[in-house]
Amino acid sequence: RSLYTLRDNAAREELQRHLMTSITHILVAGSVFIGLDSYHYGRFVLSSWNFFYFNAVQGGGSMYGSHAWWWYLSEGIPT
């Protein structure tokens, strides 16, 4: 085997370990959040989905006002 092949394999294995660790952490954290939300709501609930659905799909965010795209650069961020 050449040096490049060994280095490529080591990088690939490290990437796989990193991905598996990340996926595990995401699944554990997601399960905890879903479990806590569901417990406190008294029924199964996906709070992140409800937030997205209300604001993006149903347009509920417009109840709080909307601004031109440049407003966020001139007024929103500086405040």
PDB file of N, CA and C in Angstrom:
ATOM      1  N   ARG A   1       0.842  -1.190   0.000  1.00  0.00           N
ATOM      2  CA  ARG A   1       0.000   0.000   0.000  1.00  0.00           C
ATOM      3  C   ARG A   1       0.878   1.241   0.000  1.00  0.00           C
ATOM      4  N   SER A   2       0.382   2.224  -0.654  1.00  0.00           N
ATOM      5  CA  SER A   2       1.148   3.465  -0.677  1.00  0.00           C
ATOM      6  C   SER A   2       0.754   4.343   0.500  1.00  0.00           C
ATOM      7  N   LEU A   3       1.531   5.360   0.738  1.00  0.00           N
ATOM      8  CA  LEU A   3       1.273   6.291   1.826  1.00  0.00           C
ATOM      9  C   LEU A   3      -0.050   7.012   1.622  1.00  0.00           C
ATOM     10  N   TYR A   4      -0.358   7.346   0.360  1.00  0.00           N
ATOM     11  CA  TYR A   4      -1.614   8.045   0.074  1.00  0.00           C
ATOM     12  C   TYR A   4      -2.833   7.189   0.398  1.00  0.00           C
ATOM     13  N   THR A   5      -2.750   5.906   0.093  1.00  0.00           N
ATOM     14  CA  THR A   5      -3.860   5.004   0.374  1.00  0.00           C
ATOM     15  C   THR A   5      -4.088   4.885   1.872  1.00  0.00           C
ATOM     16  N   LEU A   6      -3.029   4.771   2.651  1.00  0.00           N
ATOM     17  CA  LEU A   6      -3.163   4.685   4.103  1.00  0.00           C
ATOM     18  C   LEU A   6      -3.753   5.967   4.677  1.00  0.00           C
ATOM     19  N   ARG A   7      -3.294   7.108   4.156  1.00  0.00           N
ATOM     20  CA  ARG A   7      -3.800   8.389   4.643  1.00  0.00           C
ATOM     21  C   ARG A   7      -5.272   8.565   4.258  1.00  0.00           C
ATOM     22  N   ASP A   8      -5.637   8.177   3.047  1.00  0.00           N
ATOM     23  CA  ASP A   8      -7.025   8.274   2.609  1.00  0.00           C
ATOM     24  C   ASP A   8      -7.932   7.385   3.448  1.00  0.00           C
ATOM     25  N   ASN A   9      -7.458   6.172   3.740  1.00  0.00           N
ATOM     26  CA  ASN A   9      -8.255   5.259   4.568  1.00  0.00           C
ATOM     27  C   ASN A   9      -8.431   5.806   5.981  1.00  0.00           C
ATOM     28  N   ALA A  10      -7.363   6.377   6.546  1.00  0.00           N
ATOM     29  CA  ALA A  10      -7.451   6.934   7.894  1.00  0.00           C
ATOM     30  C   ALA A  10      -8.417   8.114   7.912  1.00  0.00           C
ATOM     31  N   ALA A  11      -8.378   8.957   6.897  1.00  0.00           N
ATOM     32  CA  ALA A  11      -9.290  10.096   6.822  1.00  0.00           C
ATOM     33  C   ALA A  11     -10.729   9.626   6.659  1.00  0.00           C
ATOM     34  N   ARG A  12     -10.931   8.607   5.849  1.00  0.00           N
ATOM     35  CA  ARG A  12     -12.275   8.067   5.633  1.00  0.00           C
ATOM     36  C   ARG A  12     -12.826   7.464   6.928  1.00  0.00           C
ATOM     37  N   GLU A  13     -11.983   6.738   7.656  1.00  0.00           N
ATOM     38  CA  GLU A  13     -12.426   6.141   8.919  1.00  0.00           C
ATOM     39  C   GLU A  13     -12.747   7.216   9.950  1.00  0.00           C
ATOM     40  N   GLU A  14     -11.939   8.266   9.991  1.00  0.00           N
ATOM     41  CA  GLU A  14     -12.218   9.349  10.935  1.00  0.00           C
ATOM     42  C   GLU A  14     -13.517  10.061  10.569  1.00  0.00           C
ATOM     43  N   LEU A  15     -13.771  10.265   9.300  1.00  0.00           N
ATOM     44  CA  LEU A  15     -15.012  10.882   8.863  1.00  0.00           C
ATOM     45  C   LEU A  15     -16.209  10.011   9.240  1.00  0.00           C
ATOM     46  N   GLN A  16     -16.084   8.708   9.044  1.00  0.00           N
ATOM     47  CA  GLN A  16     -17.169   7.794   9.412  1.00  0.00           C
ATOM     48  C   GLN A  16     -17.434   7.835  10.916  1.00  0.00           C
ATOM     49  N   ARG A  17     -16.368   7.860  11.725  1.00  0.00           N
ATOM     50  CA  ARG A  17     -16.526   7.952  13.181  1.00  0.00           C
ATOM     51  C   ARG A  17     -17.214   9.260  13.562  1.00  0.00           C
ATOM     52  N   HIS A  18     -16.795  10.339  12.927  1.00  0.00           N
ATOM     53  CA  HIS A  18     -17.381  11.645  13.215  1.00  0.00           C
ATOM     54  C   HIS A  18     -18.861  11.662  12.847  1.00  0.00           C
ATOM     55  N   LEU A  19     -19.207  11.116  11.689  1.00  0.00           N
ATOM     56  CA  LEU A  19     -20.605  11.085  11.264  1.00  0.00           C
ATOM     57  C   LEU A  19     -21.453  10.232  12.199  1.00  0.00           C
ATOM     58  N   MET A  20     -20.956   9.090  12.594  1.00  0.00           N
ATOM     59  CA  MET A  20     -21.708   8.218  13.495  1.00  0.00           C
ATOM     60  C   MET A  20     -21.901   8.884  14.861  1.00  0.00           C
ATOM     61  N   THR A  21     -20.871   9.545  15.364  1.00  0.00           N
ATOM     62  CA  THR A  21     -20.987  10.260  16.629  1.00  0.00           C
ATOM     63  C   THR A  21     -22.013  11.384  16.515  1.00  0.00           C
ATOM     64  N   SER A  22     -21.951  12.133  15.419  1.00  0.00           N
ATOM     65  CA  SER A  22     -22.895  13.239  15.218  1.00  0.00           C
ATOM     66  C   SER A  22     -24.321  12.736  15.110  1.00  0.00           C
ATOM     67  N   ILE A  23     -24.528  11.683  14.346  1.00  0.00           N
ATOM     68  CA  ILE A  23     -25.875  11.122  14.189  1.00  0.00           C
ATOM     69  C   ILE A  23     -26.398  10.625  15.525  1.00  0.00           C
ATOM     70  N   THR A  24     -25.545   9.971  16.306  1.00  0.00           N
ATOM     71  CA  THR A  24     -25.952   9.482  17.625  1.00  0.00           C
ATOM     72  C   THR A  24     -26.366  10.635  18.526  1.00  0.00           C
ATOM     73  N   HIS A  25     -25.572  11.697  18.548  1.00  0.00           N
ATOM     74  CA  HIS A  25     -25.898  12.854  19.387  1.00  0.00           C
ATOM     75  C   HIS A  25     -27.196  13.523  18.947  1.00  0.00           C
ATOM     76  N   ILE A  26     -27.402  13.634  17.658  1.00  0.00           N
ATOM     77  CA  ILE A  26     -28.630  14.239  17.139  1.00  0.00           C
ATOM     78  C   ILE A  26     -29.844  13.405  17.535  1.00  0.00           C
ATOM     79  N   LEU A  27     -29.735  12.087  17.395  1.00  0.00           N
ATOM     80  CA  LEU A  27     -30.855  11.217  17.758  1.00  0.00           C
ATOM     81  C   LEU A  27     -31.153  11.258  19.251  1.00  0.00           C
ATOM     82  N   VAL A  28     -30.116  11.259  20.074  1.00  0.00           N
ATOM     83  CA  VAL A  28     -30.321  11.311  21.527  1.00  0.00           C
ATOM     84  C   VAL A  28     -30.941  12.645  21.923  1.00  0.00           C
ATOM     85  N   ALA A  29     -30.375  13.753  21.439  1.00  0.00           N
ATOM     86  CA  ALA A  29     -30.905  15.076  21.792  1.00  0.00           C
ATOM     87  C   ALA A  29     -32.334  15.233  21.277  1.00  0.00           C
ATOM     88  N   GLY A  30     -32.587  14.811  20.043  1.00  0.00           N
ATOM     89  CA  GLY A  30     -33.937  14.899  19.491  1.00  0.00           C
ATOM     90  C   GLY A  30     -34.932  14.090  20.296  1.00  0.00           C
ATOM     91  N   SER A  31     -34.536  12.915  20.716  1.00  0.00           N
ATOM     92  CA  SER A  31     -35.421  12.074  21.531  1.00  0.00           C
ATOM     93  C   SER A  31     -35.727  12.730  22.870  1.00  0.00           C
ATOM     94  N   VAL A  32     -34.712  13.334  23.479  1.00  0.00           N
ATOM     95  CA  VAL A  32     -34.920  14.011  24.759  1.00  0.00           C
ATOM     96  C   VAL A  32     -35.882  15.185  24.578  1.00  0.00           C
ATOM     97  N   PHE A  33     -35.658  16.013  23.543  1.00  0.00           N
ATOM     98  CA  PHE A  33     -36.527  17.173  23.315  1.00  0.00           C
ATOM     99  C   PHE A  33     -37.956  16.755  23.006  1.00  0.00           C
ATOM    100  N   ILE A  34     -38.106  15.767  22.152  1.00  0.00           N
ATOM    101  CA  ILE A  34     -39.450  15.288  21.818  1.00  0.00           C
ATOM    102  C   ILE A  34     -40.123  14.700  23.052  1.00  0.00           C
ATOM    103  N   GLY A  35     -39.365  13.938  23.834  1.00  0.00           N
ATOM    104  CA  GLY A  35     -39.922  13.356  25.055  1.00  0.00           C
ATOM    105  C   GLY A  35     -40.356  14.409  26.058  1.00  0.00           C
ATOM    106  N   LEU A  36     -39.518  15.420  26.285  1.00  0.00           N
ATOM    107  CA  LEU A  36     -39.870  16.481  27.230  1.00  0.00           C
ATOM    108  C   LEU A  36     -41.063  17.297  26.743  1.00  0.00           C
ATOM    109  N   ASP A  37     -41.047  17.678  25.468  1.00  0.00           N
ATOM    110  CA  ASP A  37     -42.171  18.441  24.919  1.00  0.00           C
ATOM    111  C   ASP A  37     -43.469  17.649  25.018  1.00  0.00           C
ATOM    112  N   SER A  38     -43.412  16.388  24.630  1.00  0.00           N
ATOM    113  CA  SER A  38     -44.611  15.556  24.668  1.00  0.00           C
ATOM    114  C   SER A  38     -45.113  15.371  26.094  1.00  0.00           C
ATOM    115  N   TYR A  39     -44.198  15.194  27.014  1.00  0.00           N
ATOM    116  CA  TYR A  39     -44.589  15.037  28.419  1.00  0.00           C
ATOM    117  C   TYR A  39     -45.316  16.284  28.925  1.00  0.00           C
ATOM    118  N   HIS A  40     -44.752  17.449  28.638  1.00  0.00           N
ATOM    119  CA  HIS A  40     -45.341  18.684  29.160  1.00  0.00           C
ATOM    120  C   HIS A  40     -46.610  19.100  28.416  1.00  0.00           C
ATOM    121  N   TYR A  41     -46.737  18.742  27.140  1.00  0.00           N
ATOM    122  CA  TYR A  41     -47.971  19.017  26.407  1.00  0.00           C
ATOM    123  C   TYR A  41     -49.053  17.983  26.699  1.00  0.00           C
ATOM    124  N   GLY A  42     -48.650  16.835  27.218  1.00  0.00           N
ATOM    125  CA  GLY A  42     -49.606  15.782  27.528  1.00  0.00           C
ATOM    126  C   GLY A  42     -49.994  14.943  26.323  1.00  0.00           C
ATOM    127  N   ARG A  43     -49.314  15.132  25.221  1.00  0.00           N
ATOM    128  CA  ARG A  43     -49.545  14.362  23.991  1.00  0.00           C
ATOM    129  C   ARG A  43     -48.289  14.444  23.145  1.00  0.00           C
ATOM    130  N   PHE A  44     -48.185  13.564  22.149  1.00  0.00           N
ATOM    131  CA  PHE A  44     -47.025  13.586  21.269  1.00  0.00           C
ATOM    132  C   PHE A  44     -47.021  14.880  20.466  1.00  0.00           C
ATOM    133  N   VAL A  45     -45.901  15.577  20.460  1.00  0.00           N
ATOM    134  CA  VAL A  45     -45.810  16.844  19.738  1.00  0.00           C
ATOM    135  C   VAL A  45     -44.381  17.037  19.226  1.00  0.00           C
ATOM    136  N   LEU A  46     -44.282  17.605  18.041  1.00  0.00           N
ATOM    137  CA  LEU A  46     -42.996  17.993  17.457  1.00  0.00           C
ATOM    138  C   LEU A  46     -42.962  19.516  17.400  1.00  0.00           C
ATOM    139  N   SER A  47     -42.415  20.142  18.416  1.00  0.00           N
ATOM    140  CA  SER A  47     -42.437  21.601  18.527  1.00  0.00           C
ATOM    141  C   SER A  47     -41.747  22.285  17.358  1.00  0.00           C
ATOM    142  N   SER A  48     -40.641  21.748  16.908  1.00  0.00           N
ATOM    143  CA  SER A  48     -39.924  22.361  15.788  1.00  0.00           C
ATOM    144  C   SER A  48     -40.772  22.347  14.523  1.00  0.00           C
ATOM    145  N   TRP A  49     -41.467  21.243  14.284  1.00  0.00           N
ATOM    146  CA  TRP A  49     -42.343  21.162  13.114  1.00  0.00           C
ATOM    147  C   TRP A  49     -43.502  22.150  13.257  1.00  0.00           C
ATOM    148  N   ASN A  50     -44.092  22.232  14.440  1.00  0.00           N
ATOM    149  CA  ASN A  50     -45.189  23.166  14.651  1.00  0.00           C
ATOM    150  C   ASN A  50     -44.744  24.610  14.424  1.00  0.00           C
ATOM    151  N   PHE A  51     -43.545  24.962  14.892  1.00  0.00           N
ATOM    152  CA  PHE A  51     -43.000  26.304  14.692  1.00  0.00           C
ATOM    153  C   PHE A  51     -42.825  26.589  13.203  1.00  0.00           C
ATOM    154  N   PHE A  52     -42.199  25.658  12.472  1.00  0.00           N
ATOM    155  CA  PHE A  52     -41.994  25.832  11.036  1.00  0.00           C
ATOM    156  C   PHE A  52     -43.330  25.922  10.300  1.00  0.00           C
ATOM    157  N   TYR A  53     -44.249  25.032  10.613  1.00  0.00           N
ATOM    158  CA  TYR A  53     -45.533  24.994   9.928  1.00  0.00           C
ATOM    159  C   TYR A  53     -46.308  26.297  10.131  1.00  0.00           C
ATOM    160  N   PHE A  54     -46.337  26.784  11.365  1.00  0.00           N
ATOM    161  CA  PHE A  54     -47.072  28.011  11.656  1.00  0.00           C
ATOM    162  C   PHE A  54     -46.450  29.206  10.949  1.00  0.00           C
ATOM    163  N   ASN A  55     -45.130  29.346  11.026  1.00  0.00           N
ATOM    164  CA  ASN A  55     -44.475  30.537  10.492  1.00  0.00           C
ATOM    165  C   ASN A  55     -44.257  30.497   8.986  1.00  0.00           C
ATOM    166  N   ALA A  56     -43.838  29.360   8.451  1.00  0.00           N
ATOM    167  CA  ALA A  56     -43.486  29.294   7.032  1.00  0.00           C
ATOM    168  C   ALA A  56     -44.648  28.869   6.147  1.00  0.00           C
ATOM    169  N   VAL A  57     -45.410  27.886   6.578  1.00  0.00           N
ATOM    170  CA  VAL A  57     -46.476  27.352   5.729  1.00  0.00           C
ATOM    171  C   VAL A  57     -47.750  28.183   5.868  1.00  0.00           C
ATOM    172  N   GLN A  58     -48.161  28.443   7.095  1.00  0.00           N
ATOM    173  CA  GLN A  58     -49.395  29.177   7.309  1.00  0.00           C
ATOM    174  C   GLN A  58     -49.213  30.691   7.276  1.00  0.00           C
ATOM    175  N   GLY A  59     -47.986  31.170   7.281  1.00  0.00           N
ATOM    176  CA  GLY A  59     -47.733  32.606   7.235  1.00  0.00           C
ATOM    177  C   GLY A  59     -48.056  33.324   8.526  1.00  0.00           C
ATOM    178  N   GLY A  60     -48.084  32.615   9.631  1.00  0.00           N
ATOM    179  CA  GLY A  60     -48.433  33.204  10.919  1.00  0.00           C
ATOM    180  C   GLY A  60     -47.446  34.247  11.398  1.00  0.00           C
ATOM    181  N   GLY A  61     -46.216  34.197  10.924  1.00  0.00           N
ATOM    182  CA  GLY A  61     -45.221  35.181  11.332  1.00  0.00           C
ATOM    183  C   GLY A  61     -45.571  36.588  10.891  1.00  0.00           C
ATOM    184  N   SER A  62     -46.387  36.719   9.865  1.00  0.00           N
ATOM    185  CA  SER A  62     -46.755  38.053   9.376  1.00  0.00           C
ATOM    186  C   SER A  62     -47.656  38.788  10.363  1.00  0.00           C
ATOM    187  N   MET A  63     -48.240  38.078  11.332  1.00  0.00           N
ATOM    188  CA  MET A  63     -49.037  38.744  12.362  1.00  0.00           C
ATOM    189  C   MET A  63     -48.187  39.715  13.161  1.00  0.00           C
ATOM    190  N   TYR A  64     -46.894  39.439  13.231  1.00  0.00           N
ATOM    191  CA  TYR A  64     -45.994  40.254  14.032  1.00  0.00           C
ATOM    192  C   TYR A  64     -45.339  41.346  13.205  1.00  0.00           C
ATOM    193  N   GLY A  65     -45.734  41.503  11.963  1.00  0.00           N
ATOM    194  CA  GLY A  65     -45.171  42.534  11.093  1.00  0.00           C
ATOM    195  C   GLY A  65     -44.126  41.970  10.173  1.00  0.00           C
ATOM    196  N   SER A  66     -43.969  42.628   9.051  1.00  0.00           N
ATOM    197  CA  SER A  66     -42.935  42.215   8.099  1.00  0.00           C
ATOM    198  C   SER A  66     -42.263  43.465   7.562  1.00  0.00           C
ATOM    199  N   HIS A  67     -41.039  43.318   7.153  1.00  0.00           N
ATOM    200  CA  HIS A  67     -40.238  44.435   6.682  1.00  0.00           C
ATOM    201  C   HIS A  67     -39.576  44.065   5.367  1.00  0.00           C
ATOM    202  N   ALA A  68     -39.122  45.086   4.655  1.00  0.00           N
ATOM    203  CA  ALA A  68     -38.348  44.862   3.433  1.00  0.00           C
ATOM    204  C   ALA A  68     -37.032  44.188   3.812  1.00  0.00           C
ATOM    205  N   TRP A  69     -36.393  43.524   2.867  1.00  0.00           N
ATOM    206  CA  TRP A  69     -35.179  42.755   3.153  1.00  0.00           C
ATOM    207  C   TRP A  69     -34.082  43.632   3.738  1.00  0.00           C
ATOM    208  N   TRP A  70     -34.000  44.911   3.311  1.00  0.00           N
ATOM    209  CA  TRP A  70     -32.916  45.777   3.772  1.00  0.00           C
ATOM    210  C   TRP A  70     -33.128  46.273   5.198  1.00  0.00           C
ATOM    211  N   TRP A  71     -34.341  46.182   5.726  1.00  0.00           N
ATOM    212  CA  TRP A  71     -34.609  46.655   7.077  1.00  0.00           C
ATOM    213  C   TRP A  71     -33.765  45.901   8.094  1.00  0.00           C
ATOM    214  N   TYR A  72     -33.569  44.626   7.888  1.00  0.00           N
ATOM    215  CA  TYR A  72     -32.817  43.811   8.832  1.00  0.00           C
ATOM    216  C   TYR A  72     -31.365  44.259   8.902  1.00  0.00           C
ATOM    217  N   LEU A  73     -30.814  44.749   7.782  1.00  0.00           N
ATOM    218  CA  LEU A  73     -29.436  45.234   7.784  1.00  0.00           C
ATOM    219  C   LEU A  73     -29.338  46.630   8.395  1.00  0.00           C
ATOM    220  N   SER A  74     -30.322  47.486   8.130  1.00  0.00           N
ATOM    221  CA  SER A  74     -30.229  48.867   8.606  1.00  0.00           C
ATOM    222  C   SER A  74     -30.751  49.070  10.022  1.00  0.00           C
ATOM    223  N   GLU A  75     -31.781  48.320  10.415  1.00  0.00           N
ATOM    224  CA  GLU A  75     -32.402  48.543  11.716  1.00  0.00           C
ATOM    225  C   GLU A  75     -32.416  47.310  12.616  1.00  0.00           C
ATOM    226  N   GLY A  76     -32.708  46.160  12.037  1.00  0.00           N
ATOM    227  CA  GLY A  76     -32.898  44.956  12.840  1.00  0.00           C
ATOM    228  C   GLY A  76     -31.640  44.475  13.526  1.00  0.00           C
ATOM    229  N   ILE A  77     -30.575  44.320  12.792  1.00  0.00           N
ATOM    230  CA  ILE A  77     -29.331  43.803  13.373  1.00  0.00           C
ATOM    231  C   ILE A  77     -28.687  44.813  14.323  1.00  0.00           C
ATOM    232  N   PRO A  78     -28.589  46.105  13.946  1.00  0.00           N
ATOM    233  CA  PRO A  78     -27.951  47.064  14.868  1.00  0.00           C
ATOM    234  C   PRO A  78     -28.641  47.192  16.220  1.00  0.00           C
ATOM    235  N   THR A  79     -29.940  46.960  16.272  1.00  0.00           N
ATOM    236  CA  THR A  79     -30.608  47.090  17.573  1.00  0.00           C
ATOM    237  C   THR A  79     -30.346  45.851  18.382  1.00  0.00           C
TER     238      THR A  79
END
